Protein backbone atom coordinates (compact mmCIF):
# COMPACT_ATOMS: atom_id res chain seq x y z
CA MET A 1 -153.73 108.14 -27.82
CA VAL A 2 -150.31 106.39 -28.06
CA ASP A 3 -149.34 103.95 -29.62
CA GLU A 4 -147.52 101.26 -27.49
CA SER A 5 -145.94 99.08 -29.37
CA HIS A 6 -143.93 102.17 -30.60
CA PRO A 7 -140.67 101.08 -29.89
CA ARG A 8 -138.14 103.84 -28.26
CA GLY A 9 -135.63 105.46 -29.85
CA ARG A 10 -136.20 104.11 -33.32
CA LYS A 11 -138.39 106.37 -35.84
CA LEU A 12 -141.04 103.82 -37.77
CA PRO A 13 -141.38 103.86 -41.28
CA TYR A 14 -145.18 103.94 -41.26
CA GLU A 15 -145.30 106.79 -37.90
CA LEU A 16 -147.88 109.39 -38.64
CA PRO A 17 -147.17 112.99 -38.51
CA ALA A 18 -147.86 115.04 -35.35
CA GLY A 19 -150.94 116.83 -37.24
CA CYS A 20 -153.23 113.28 -37.18
CA HIS A 21 -152.62 112.41 -33.34
CA PRO A 22 -155.29 114.03 -32.14
CA LEU A 23 -157.72 112.00 -34.74
CA PHE A 24 -157.32 109.51 -32.03
CA THR A 25 -158.76 111.14 -29.28
CA SER A 26 -161.17 112.92 -30.58
CA ASN A 27 -164.59 112.58 -32.97
CA ASP A 28 -162.82 115.42 -35.12
CA LEU A 29 -163.26 114.72 -38.90
CA PRO A 30 -160.01 114.02 -40.76
CA LEU A 31 -158.71 116.38 -43.61
CA GLY A 32 -157.96 115.26 -47.18
CA HIS A 33 -154.34 115.57 -46.36
CA GLN A 34 -155.10 113.71 -43.53
CA LEU A 35 -156.61 110.96 -44.85
CA ALA A 36 -153.99 110.31 -47.55
CA GLU A 37 -151.25 110.58 -44.96
CA ILE A 38 -153.38 107.74 -42.35
CA ALA A 39 -153.88 105.25 -46.09
CA GLU A 40 -150.05 106.01 -46.62
CA SER A 41 -148.96 104.53 -43.58
CA THR A 42 -151.54 101.58 -43.02
CA ARG A 43 -150.44 100.17 -46.85
CA VAL A 44 -146.49 100.82 -45.81
CA ALA A 45 -147.15 98.88 -41.84
CA GLU A 46 -149.27 96.16 -43.99
CA VAL A 47 -145.93 96.00 -46.31
CA LEU A 48 -143.91 95.55 -43.07
CA LYS A 49 -145.69 92.96 -41.12
CA ALA A 50 -146.04 90.92 -44.17
CA SER A 51 -142.13 90.91 -44.44
CA LEU A 52 -141.74 90.39 -40.70
CA GLU A 53 -144.23 87.65 -40.70
CA LEU A 54 -141.40 85.77 -42.96
CA ARG A 55 -138.91 86.92 -41.02
CA ILE A 56 -140.43 85.19 -38.30
CA SER A 57 -141.00 81.83 -39.84
CA GLN A 58 -138.04 82.06 -40.73
CA ALA A 59 -136.27 82.48 -37.55
CA ARG A 60 -138.79 79.61 -35.53
CA LEU A 61 -137.58 77.38 -38.66
CA ASP A 62 -133.53 78.58 -37.20
CA LEU A 63 -134.48 77.82 -33.80
CA VAL A 64 -136.10 74.51 -34.43
CA ARG A 65 -132.70 73.42 -36.27
CA LEU A 66 -130.29 75.12 -33.97
CA GLU A 67 -132.42 72.95 -31.02
CA ARG A 68 -132.00 70.29 -32.67
CA GLU A 69 -128.03 70.90 -33.01
CA ALA A 70 -128.02 71.36 -29.37
CA PHE A 71 -130.10 68.45 -28.44
CA TYR A 72 -127.27 65.97 -30.91
CA ALA A 73 -124.37 67.90 -29.28
CA THR A 74 -125.97 67.06 -25.50
CA ARG A 75 -126.41 63.65 -26.82
CA HIS A 76 -123.04 63.44 -28.13
CA ILE A 77 -121.01 65.01 -24.80
CA GLU A 78 -123.28 62.35 -22.79
CA ARG A 79 -121.80 59.76 -25.26
CA CYS A 80 -118.31 60.50 -24.94
CA LYS A 81 -118.41 60.29 -21.40
CA PHE A 82 -119.00 56.69 -20.89
CA PRO A 83 -115.50 55.71 -22.61
CA LEU A 84 -114.32 58.90 -20.20
CA ALA A 85 -115.53 57.49 -17.01
CA PRO A 86 -112.55 57.04 -14.56
CA ILE A 87 -113.80 53.29 -14.00
CA ARG A 88 -112.73 52.54 -17.41
CA ARG A 89 -109.39 53.80 -16.66
CA LEU A 90 -108.76 51.74 -13.26
CA PRO A 91 -106.35 48.92 -13.17
CA VAL A 92 -107.23 45.55 -12.94
CA GLU A 93 -106.22 45.33 -9.22
CA ILE A 94 -108.24 47.93 -8.28
CA LEU A 95 -111.56 46.62 -9.92
CA SER A 96 -111.23 43.31 -8.50
CA ARG A 97 -110.26 44.75 -5.01
CA ILE A 98 -114.23 46.45 -5.87
CA PHE A 99 -115.54 43.17 -7.37
CA ILE A 100 -114.53 41.65 -4.13
CA SER A 101 -116.05 44.29 -1.95
CA TYR A 102 -119.36 43.83 -3.72
CA ALA A 103 -119.03 39.99 -2.92
CA ASP A 104 -118.47 40.67 1.16
CA LEU A 105 -121.46 42.82 1.05
CA LEU A 106 -123.63 40.03 -0.15
CA ARG A 107 -122.03 38.46 2.41
CA LYS A 108 -122.85 40.64 5.00
CA SER A 109 -126.64 40.67 3.76
CA PRO A 110 -129.01 38.72 5.88
CA SER A 111 -129.29 35.80 3.56
CA MET A 112 -125.60 34.93 2.39
CA HIS A 113 -127.60 32.83 -0.38
CA ASP A 114 -127.76 36.07 -2.25
CA ILE A 115 -124.20 35.98 -3.88
CA CYS A 116 -124.90 32.60 -5.61
CA ASN A 117 -128.29 33.92 -7.43
CA ILE A 118 -127.49 34.11 -10.84
CA LYS A 119 -129.62 36.99 -11.31
CA THR A 120 -128.35 39.50 -8.59
CA GLY A 121 -125.23 38.19 -7.00
CA VAL A 122 -121.35 37.86 -8.48
CA TRP A 123 -122.73 36.20 -11.47
CA MET A 124 -123.76 39.56 -12.74
CA LEU A 125 -120.70 41.40 -12.76
CA GLY A 126 -119.59 38.86 -15.81
CA HIS A 127 -122.99 40.13 -17.45
CA VAL A 128 -122.32 44.23 -18.03
CA CYS A 129 -119.33 43.79 -20.35
CA GLY A 130 -116.17 41.84 -21.74
CA HIS A 131 -113.84 43.39 -19.37
CA TRP A 132 -115.57 43.13 -16.36
CA ARG A 133 -116.33 39.70 -16.89
CA ALA A 134 -112.27 38.77 -17.91
CA VAL A 135 -111.94 40.94 -14.14
CA ALA A 136 -114.14 38.66 -12.72
CA LEU A 137 -113.30 35.50 -13.92
CA SER A 138 -109.23 36.36 -12.99
CA THR A 139 -110.47 37.13 -9.78
CA ALA A 140 -110.60 33.82 -7.50
CA ALA A 141 -111.46 35.26 -4.50
CA LEU A 142 -114.85 36.70 -5.81
CA TRP A 143 -115.49 32.79 -6.06
CA SER A 144 -114.44 31.81 -2.63
CA SER A 145 -117.60 31.96 -0.88
CA PHE A 146 -120.34 29.35 -2.00
CA SER A 147 -123.89 29.07 -0.42
CA PHE A 148 -126.65 26.65 -1.20
CA ARG A 149 -129.97 26.12 0.52
CA CYS A 150 -132.40 23.85 -1.42
CA ASP A 151 -135.45 25.56 -0.96
CA LEU A 152 -134.22 29.03 -1.94
CA ASN A 153 -131.74 27.51 -4.59
CA SER A 154 -134.85 26.15 -6.76
CA ASP A 155 -136.63 29.56 -6.76
CA THR A 156 -134.47 32.27 -7.64
CA ASN A 157 -131.97 29.53 -9.67
CA ARG A 158 -134.93 28.18 -11.50
CA GLY A 159 -134.35 26.44 -14.86
CA HIS A 160 -130.72 26.02 -13.93
CA SER A 161 -129.11 22.99 -12.34
CA SER A 162 -127.63 23.43 -8.87
CA ALA A 163 -124.76 20.92 -9.32
CA ALA A 164 -124.00 22.83 -12.52
CA ILE A 165 -123.94 26.12 -11.04
CA ALA A 166 -122.06 24.77 -8.18
CA ASP A 167 -119.51 23.18 -10.23
CA GLU A 168 -118.96 26.81 -12.34
CA PHE A 169 -118.95 28.35 -9.08
CA LEU A 170 -115.71 26.34 -7.83
CA LEU A 171 -114.38 26.16 -10.50
CA ARG A 172 -113.70 29.76 -11.04
CA SER A 173 -112.59 29.95 -7.66
CA SER A 174 -109.37 27.91 -8.80
CA SER A 175 -106.86 27.09 -5.54
CA HIS A 176 -108.40 29.80 -3.51
CA LEU A 177 -109.41 28.96 -0.05
CA LEU A 178 -113.59 28.25 0.58
CA SER A 179 -116.03 29.41 2.89
CA ILE A 180 -118.69 27.22 2.05
CA ASP A 181 -122.70 26.87 3.55
CA PHE A 182 -124.68 24.31 2.76
CA ASP A 183 -128.00 23.84 3.85
CA CYS A 184 -130.45 21.04 3.12
CA HIS A 185 -133.00 20.64 6.02
CA ASN A 186 -135.57 19.52 4.86
CA GLY A 187 -134.77 15.76 5.15
CA ARG A 188 -137.25 13.03 3.43
CA SER A 189 -139.36 15.74 1.78
CA CYS A 190 -136.28 17.44 -0.08
CA LEU A 191 -135.27 13.68 -0.87
CA ALA A 192 -138.47 12.49 -2.37
CA ALA A 193 -138.83 16.03 -4.02
CA SER A 194 -137.43 16.65 -7.83
CA GLY A 195 -134.44 18.38 -6.38
CA GLY A 196 -133.59 15.90 -3.85
CA ASP A 197 -130.69 14.30 -6.14
CA SER A 198 -129.75 17.97 -6.91
CA CYS A 199 -129.03 18.52 -2.83
CA ARG A 200 -126.65 15.72 -2.82
CA ASP A 201 -124.75 16.35 -6.23
CA VAL A 202 -123.81 19.80 -4.55
CA PHE A 203 -122.78 18.13 -1.57
CA VAL A 204 -121.09 15.53 -3.26
CA THR A 205 -119.29 18.90 -5.28
CA LEU A 206 -118.69 20.81 -2.24
CA LEU A 207 -116.83 17.54 -0.55
CA ALA A 208 -114.85 17.12 -3.37
CA ARG A 209 -113.00 20.46 -2.71
CA CYS A 210 -112.49 19.83 1.23
CA GLN A 211 -108.87 20.38 0.75
CA GLN A 212 -109.60 24.31 -0.07
CA TRP A 213 -112.32 24.48 2.84
CA LYS A 214 -111.35 27.60 4.94
CA GLN A 215 -115.08 28.41 7.01
CA VAL A 216 -117.75 25.82 6.56
CA ARG A 217 -121.19 25.53 7.43
CA LEU A 218 -123.15 22.14 7.03
CA SER A 219 -126.66 21.29 7.85
CA ILE A 220 -127.36 18.13 6.68
CA PRO A 221 -129.85 15.27 7.00
CA PRO A 222 -128.88 11.48 7.68
CA ALA A 223 -129.16 10.52 4.40
CA PHE A 224 -125.89 12.94 3.71
CA TYR A 225 -123.90 11.13 6.11
CA PRO A 226 -122.20 8.76 4.52
CA GLU A 227 -120.95 10.62 1.97
CA MET A 228 -118.58 12.68 5.02
CA ARG A 229 -116.00 9.84 4.87
CA ILE A 230 -114.25 11.66 1.90
CA ILE A 231 -113.11 14.65 4.05
CA LYS A 232 -111.41 12.28 6.70
CA ASP A 233 -107.80 13.41 6.65
CA ASN A 234 -108.27 15.46 3.57
CA ILE A 235 -109.46 19.06 5.29
CA PRO A 236 -105.56 20.54 6.37
CA ASN A 237 -107.06 24.38 5.42
CA LEU A 238 -110.44 24.25 7.86
CA SER A 239 -110.32 26.90 10.84
CA ALA A 240 -113.84 27.17 11.16
CA PHE A 241 -116.47 24.65 11.39
CA LYS A 242 -120.55 24.59 12.03
CA LEU A 243 -122.06 21.36 11.92
CA GLN A 244 -125.62 20.58 12.41
CA LEU A 245 -126.78 17.27 12.16
CA PHE A 246 -130.48 16.00 13.12
CA THR A 247 -132.70 13.13 12.46
CA LEU A 248 -136.61 13.14 11.85
CA GLY A 249 -139.42 11.17 12.93
CA VAL A 250 -139.00 7.31 13.47
CA GLU A 251 -135.37 7.75 12.80
CA ARG A 252 -134.52 10.35 16.14
CA GLY A 253 -132.20 8.58 17.74
CA PRO A 254 -127.90 9.23 18.23
CA VAL A 255 -126.19 10.87 15.70
CA SER A 256 -123.39 9.22 14.09
CA LEU A 257 -121.06 9.20 10.75
CA HIS A 258 -119.09 6.43 9.25
CA ASP A 259 -116.10 7.05 11.21
CA THR A 260 -116.04 8.71 14.47
CA ASP A 261 -112.82 10.14 13.79
CA THR A 262 -113.93 11.98 11.03
CA PHE A 263 -112.45 15.58 11.86
CA ARG A 264 -109.82 14.45 14.05
CA SER A 265 -107.48 15.39 11.77
CA CYS A 266 -108.15 19.36 11.60
CA PRO A 267 -104.26 20.95 12.12
CA GLY A 268 -105.92 24.65 11.52
CA LEU A 269 -109.31 24.25 13.39
CA THR A 270 -109.73 26.62 16.26
CA ASN A 271 -113.50 27.71 16.07
CA LEU A 272 -116.12 24.86 16.36
CA LYS A 273 -120.05 25.05 16.35
CA LEU A 274 -121.89 22.10 17.36
CA TYR A 275 -126.34 21.55 16.82
CA PHE A 276 -126.94 18.14 17.05
CA TYR A 277 -130.61 16.96 17.38
CA SER A 278 -129.92 13.97 19.20
CA THR A 279 -129.79 11.75 22.09
CA GLY A 280 -126.07 11.39 21.72
CA SER A 281 -123.24 11.58 19.40
CA TYR A 282 -119.87 9.54 18.73
CA ILE A 283 -117.67 12.36 16.67
CA ASP A 284 -114.46 13.02 17.93
CA PHE A 285 -112.87 16.39 17.60
CA PRO A 286 -109.02 18.27 17.51
CA TRP A 287 -110.97 19.61 21.34
CA HIS A 288 -107.18 20.99 22.68
CA GLN A 289 -106.59 23.10 19.52
CA LEU A 290 -110.10 25.03 20.11
CA THR A 291 -109.91 28.45 20.94
CA SER A 292 -113.81 28.95 19.91
CA PHE A 293 -116.57 26.96 20.67
CA SER A 294 -120.80 26.42 20.53
CA GLY A 295 -122.95 23.72 21.57
CA ALA A 296 -123.07 21.27 24.16
CA ALA A 297 -120.68 21.03 27.12
CA SER A 298 -120.64 17.33 26.66
CA TYR A 299 -121.41 14.97 23.62
CA GLY A 300 -121.71 11.55 24.69
CA THR A 301 -118.37 10.62 27.34
CA THR A 302 -117.03 13.62 25.92
CA SER A 303 -116.45 16.45 28.22
CA VAL A 304 -115.88 19.42 26.16
CA LEU A 305 -114.80 21.76 29.12
CA ALA A 306 -112.65 19.20 29.81
CA CYS A 307 -110.67 18.53 26.51
CA ALA A 308 -110.66 21.95 25.05
CA PRO A 309 -108.19 24.07 28.01
CA ASN A 310 -107.56 26.63 25.45
CA ILE A 311 -111.09 27.84 24.69
CA VAL A 312 -111.13 31.69 24.72
CA ASP A 313 -114.69 31.94 23.45
CA CYS A 314 -117.18 29.58 24.51
CA THR A 315 -120.97 29.35 24.06
CA LEU A 316 -122.84 26.33 26.09
CA ARG A 317 -126.59 26.40 24.51
CA TYR A 318 -127.37 23.14 26.04
CA GLY A 319 -128.09 21.82 29.55
CA GLU A 320 -126.23 18.45 29.63
CA GLU A 321 -124.76 17.25 32.83
CA TYR A 322 -121.27 17.98 33.10
CA PRO A 323 -119.07 14.75 34.18
CA LEU A 324 -117.41 14.68 38.09
CA GLY A 325 -114.56 16.69 38.59
CA GLN A 326 -113.36 20.58 38.68
CA PRO A 327 -112.40 21.58 35.01
CA LEU A 328 -109.75 24.55 34.83
CA VAL A 329 -109.85 26.08 31.42
CA HIS A 330 -107.00 29.16 32.06
CA ARG A 331 -107.97 30.85 28.84
CA MET A 332 -111.83 31.42 29.07
CA GLN A 333 -112.32 35.00 28.36
CA ARG A 334 -116.03 34.57 27.10
CA LEU A 335 -118.95 32.29 28.28
CA THR A 336 -122.38 32.55 27.12
CA LEU A 337 -124.85 30.28 28.79
CA SER A 338 -128.36 29.37 26.74
CA VAL A 339 -129.71 26.73 28.84
CA GLY A 340 -133.14 27.33 29.83
CA ARG A 341 -134.07 28.34 33.54
CA PHE A 342 -132.48 25.46 35.03
CA LEU A 343 -128.89 25.67 35.76
CA PRO A 344 -126.36 22.95 34.90
CA ARG A 345 -124.83 21.66 37.98
CA TYR A 346 -120.88 21.44 36.32
CA LEU A 347 -121.19 25.66 36.81
CA GLN A 348 -120.65 25.35 40.70
CA THR A 349 -117.09 23.41 40.02
CA LEU A 350 -116.45 25.65 37.02
CA ASP A 351 -113.32 27.23 37.51
CA LEU A 352 -112.57 30.25 34.49
CA PRO A 353 -109.89 32.46 36.31
CA ALA A 354 -109.49 34.61 32.74
CA LEU A 355 -113.21 35.10 32.29
CA THR A 356 -113.60 39.00 31.73
CA HIS A 357 -117.07 38.31 30.07
CA ILE A 358 -120.53 36.59 30.22
CA CYS A 359 -124.16 36.56 28.54
CA ILE A 360 -126.40 34.73 30.48
CA GLU A 361 -130.39 34.24 31.17
CA ALA A 362 -131.61 36.46 33.81
CA GLN A 363 -133.25 33.66 35.69
CA THR A 364 -129.71 31.82 35.61
CA ALA A 365 -127.63 34.73 37.53
CA HIS A 366 -127.64 33.21 40.68
CA GLY A 367 -125.52 30.21 39.54
CA PHE A 368 -123.01 32.85 38.34
CA VAL A 369 -122.19 34.12 41.50
CA ASN A 370 -119.50 32.11 43.09
CA LEU A 371 -118.14 31.69 39.59
CA ILE A 372 -117.15 34.92 39.13
CA ARG A 373 -116.30 35.14 42.65
CA ARG A 374 -113.65 32.21 42.07
CA SER A 375 -112.16 34.20 38.48
CA ARG A 376 -108.58 35.82 39.32
CA SER A 377 -109.61 38.35 36.25
CA PRO A 378 -111.65 41.53 36.70
CA LEU A 379 -115.40 41.28 35.10
CA ASP A 380 -115.65 43.72 32.25
CA SER A 381 -118.51 43.13 30.49
CA ILE A 382 -122.19 41.56 31.44
CA GLN A 383 -125.41 40.89 29.21
CA PHE A 384 -128.60 39.46 30.82
CA HIS A 385 -131.32 37.97 28.68
CA GLY A 386 -134.78 37.57 29.53
CA PHE A 387 -136.75 39.80 31.93
CA ARG A 388 -139.53 38.24 31.17
CA GLU A 389 -140.49 37.26 34.51
CA MET A 390 -138.52 38.82 37.29
CA SER A 391 -139.13 36.57 40.29
CA GLU A 392 -138.20 37.86 43.88
CA ALA A 393 -135.32 34.74 43.47
CA THR A 394 -134.45 36.22 39.69
CA THR A 395 -133.91 39.58 40.73
CA THR A 396 -131.84 38.60 44.17
CA GLY A 397 -129.69 36.77 41.74
CA VAL A 398 -129.32 39.63 39.62
CA LEU A 399 -128.18 42.04 42.38
CA ASP A 400 -125.88 39.74 43.82
CA LEU A 401 -124.37 38.95 40.42
CA LEU A 402 -123.77 43.07 39.98
CA ALA A 403 -122.68 43.51 43.57
CA ALA A 404 -119.76 40.58 42.79
CA ALA A 405 -118.50 42.57 39.80
CA PRO A 406 -117.73 46.15 40.28
CA THR A 407 -115.19 46.00 37.76
CA VAL A 408 -117.80 45.83 34.75
CA THR A 409 -117.56 48.99 32.39
CA ARG A 410 -120.20 47.21 29.98
CA LEU A 411 -123.70 45.70 31.03
CA VAL A 412 -126.27 45.13 28.62
CA LEU A 413 -129.68 44.25 29.50
CA ILE A 414 -132.46 42.37 26.85
CA GLY A 415 -135.46 42.08 27.81
CA HIS A 416 -138.88 40.50 25.86
CA SER A 417 -141.46 43.70 26.73
CA ALA A 418 -143.09 43.13 23.53
CA ARG A 419 -144.09 39.55 24.02
CA SER A 420 -145.23 40.03 28.09
CA GLU A 421 -148.41 40.80 28.75
CA ASP A 422 -148.16 43.58 30.74
CA PRO A 423 -144.57 44.51 30.14
CA GLU A 424 -144.22 47.32 32.55
CA GLU A 425 -145.11 45.42 35.17
CA LYS A 426 -142.53 42.99 34.44
CA THR A 427 -139.39 44.63 33.65
CA SER A 428 -139.97 48.10 35.52
CA ASN A 429 -139.89 46.30 38.37
CA VAL A 430 -136.09 45.59 37.54
CA PHE A 431 -135.17 48.67 38.16
CA SER A 432 -138.00 49.28 41.37
CA ALA A 433 -135.71 46.60 43.01
CA LEU A 434 -132.40 47.59 41.97
CA ALA A 435 -132.94 51.22 43.29
CA HIS A 436 -134.63 49.46 46.47
CA SER A 437 -131.33 47.41 47.02
CA GLY A 438 -129.21 50.55 46.99
CA LEU A 439 -127.87 49.54 43.81
CA THR A 440 -126.38 52.39 41.94
CA PRO A 441 -122.89 53.29 40.17
CA THR A 442 -121.51 54.91 42.61
CA SER A 443 -121.49 52.43 45.09
CA THR A 444 -122.02 48.95 43.13
CA LEU A 445 -120.83 49.90 39.66
CA PRO A 446 -118.04 52.27 40.19
CA LYS A 447 -116.65 51.68 36.73
CA LEU A 448 -119.95 51.37 34.28
CA GLU A 449 -119.23 53.12 31.18
CA HIS A 450 -121.37 51.60 28.63
CA LEU A 451 -124.96 51.03 29.45
CA THR A 452 -127.50 48.72 26.50
CA MET A 453 -131.04 47.64 26.99
CA SER A 454 -133.64 46.51 24.68
CA GLY A 455 -137.01 45.35 25.15
CA VAL A 456 -136.96 46.81 28.66
CA VAL A 457 -139.41 49.51 29.95
CA PHE A 458 -137.45 51.89 32.30
CA ASP A 459 -139.37 54.09 34.86
CA LYS A 460 -138.25 57.11 37.18
CA HIS A 461 -135.83 54.41 39.11
CA PHE A 462 -133.70 53.72 36.18
CA VAL A 463 -133.85 57.55 35.29
CA HIS A 464 -132.70 58.37 38.87
CA MET A 465 -129.65 55.43 38.19
CA VAL A 466 -128.35 57.05 35.24
CA GLU A 467 -127.96 60.79 36.85
CA SER A 468 -126.78 59.13 40.19
CA GLN A 469 -123.29 59.04 38.26
CA TYR A 470 -123.36 62.92 38.09
CA VAL A 471 -124.44 63.72 41.73
CA HIS A 472 -122.00 64.37 44.29
CA ALA A 473 -122.26 62.72 47.93
CA ASN A 474 -123.87 66.23 49.01
CA GLY A 475 -126.36 66.48 46.18
CA THR A 476 -124.37 68.84 43.70
CA LEU A 477 -124.99 68.08 40.30
CA GLY A 478 -121.97 68.06 37.99
CA VAL A 479 -119.24 67.41 40.71
CA PRO A 480 -117.15 64.93 39.40
CA ILE A 481 -117.35 61.66 42.31
CA PRO A 482 -113.39 60.06 43.03
CA GLU A 483 -113.16 56.52 42.07
CA VAL A 484 -116.47 56.64 39.38
CA SER A 485 -116.93 56.56 36.05
CA PRO A 486 -119.22 58.45 34.44
CA LEU A 487 -121.56 56.63 32.19
CA LYS A 488 -120.62 57.43 28.67
CA SER A 489 -123.18 55.68 26.57
CA LEU A 490 -126.30 55.17 26.58
CA ARG A 491 -128.43 53.41 23.89
CA ILE A 492 -132.04 52.31 23.87
CA SER A 493 -134.08 50.45 21.64
CA ASP A 494 -137.07 48.60 21.71
CA PHE A 495 -138.51 50.57 25.03
CA GLY A 496 -142.27 49.90 24.45
CA ARG A 497 -144.75 51.50 26.62
CA THR A 498 -142.16 53.77 28.36
CA ASN A 499 -143.36 57.00 29.48
CA GLU A 500 -142.00 60.04 27.28
CA VAL A 501 -141.20 62.17 30.84
CA HIS A 502 -138.69 59.55 31.34
CA LEU A 503 -137.26 60.03 27.63
CA LEU A 504 -137.14 63.45 28.30
CA GLN A 505 -135.51 63.37 31.91
CA LEU A 506 -132.58 61.67 30.08
CA ARG A 507 -132.68 64.04 27.19
CA ARG A 508 -131.87 66.46 29.85
CA ILE A 509 -129.51 64.71 31.15
CA GLU A 510 -127.51 64.31 27.74
CA ILE A 511 -127.56 67.94 27.32
CA GLN A 512 -126.82 69.02 30.84
CA PHE A 513 -124.05 66.35 31.30
CA GLY A 514 -122.31 65.21 27.90
CA LEU A 515 -123.81 61.48 27.84
CA LYS A 516 -124.08 59.82 24.81
CA LEU A 517 -127.60 59.17 24.29
CA THR A 518 -128.64 56.65 20.95
CA ILE A 519 -132.33 55.61 21.32
CA GLU A 520 -133.92 53.55 18.31
CA PRO A 521 -137.31 54.33 16.80
CA PRO A 522 -139.71 51.82 18.20
CA LYS A 523 -140.95 49.50 15.26
CA PRO A 524 -144.04 51.23 14.00
CA ASP A 525 -146.30 47.23 14.07
CA ARG A 526 -145.43 47.09 17.72
CA ARG A 527 -144.94 50.15 19.34
CA PRO A 528 -146.54 53.65 19.74
CA ASN A 529 -144.77 56.00 17.85
CA HIS A 530 -145.95 59.75 19.91
CA VAL A 531 -143.29 58.99 22.63
CA TYR A 532 -140.59 58.73 20.17
CA ARG A 533 -141.66 61.70 18.11
CA SER A 534 -141.79 63.87 21.65
CA TYR A 535 -138.59 62.85 22.13
CA ILE A 536 -137.43 63.74 18.80
CA ALA A 537 -138.50 67.28 18.98
CA SER A 538 -137.66 68.21 22.24
């Protein structure tokens, strides 16, 4: 038998003579001298084994010691990386800009109120270290945006006075111009609760800083109206203002501040949004200097469109009738109308020579045809809302409006298929009607380049419309058509129970003709996902 433990290239001290090897592969009796040789070899091996076991124990102790030293060395290296981190050597100016960028992210969050949360907002930057706290306190722009909502702040800032937080927040802003968002809309229930006084205290604190107001959003109950008198002739820097006033229950009636001309002297005000839940209002604004407006077309005896000829972007949200006359708004480029299914009569006489973009309900499209024809500026963008009930009259109005705007490059269709009882029946008919009317990008919308659809179920007629932009008059695919802009981008979201075959046909057009196609995944709680998965797998 060969000893497998024998190390190659080395003679062991307990190695037996060659004459003893046959004894390990047979039953022969060992001779006298062989017995002595085997006994001596065994003794030498036992001595060597004891010595090796002692050395192994010592090696194990050395390994533990070396591993411990390596662990402490590694921990020291990681510890030294902290003071050597590049952020520790950043100039104060750059660190300050990073803090401001973080605050901007909070402002863009679904709720801007996060910025004032003492646990997760900008306050947290001062809890890291003394240096960061010093930089945060010296960066006034970091504290230039303040938001407050009574029901939210009472939870996130529990145990802290809202008025004290507001006072400290604004104190750190120094003389920097402020963006304010204040929302106390619970009326009597808020004032009756323990937090009612804190809401008023916060509001008074904000009013005391009105000279620093730049962008402000206020939603206040009637009990706070008298406090507004303090800002009269004292808001020189206000440029964007959103005001929401409302009355509740038996108090419902005209909304009025203490002084009707509270906001008349706003030399920098250009952006105004008004939400008055009342039968009338008696507040005057510097209408002539506004460039952006959102609200009702008239307030009491004030006609907004007649008094504000410099408006560029206008959103009309209510259907009050416009006084008699034919207003001419020379500069208006964007008009958004949200007045329900009934079109106000004032649109029949409205003259918008610079109009380039409209956003309207599909049911009111017929009322805009003459307005578009009177416009002397080529219409660039149309956005339709509400394909819930596409009646014959609505479909005809949409077709007439598109036919009156051959220069449109952007078209947005927003439906509500998720809320319809039979979304396919109510939304697919739109494209069927468009196809049967002969409306194709090559004939009626030759300049269409960007199309967006949300909540609209589409069928083969829509796919044919998309493909028609790449079809020559003789039926040859891929040949450019003179004076026709091919569709560059198509974005589809919330597409409901659209047949996956139609999605795959759009994918084919994307691959074959270079269309930039974006199909957003459906919401899992409202849409079957197998259609989208099939599209992705393709």
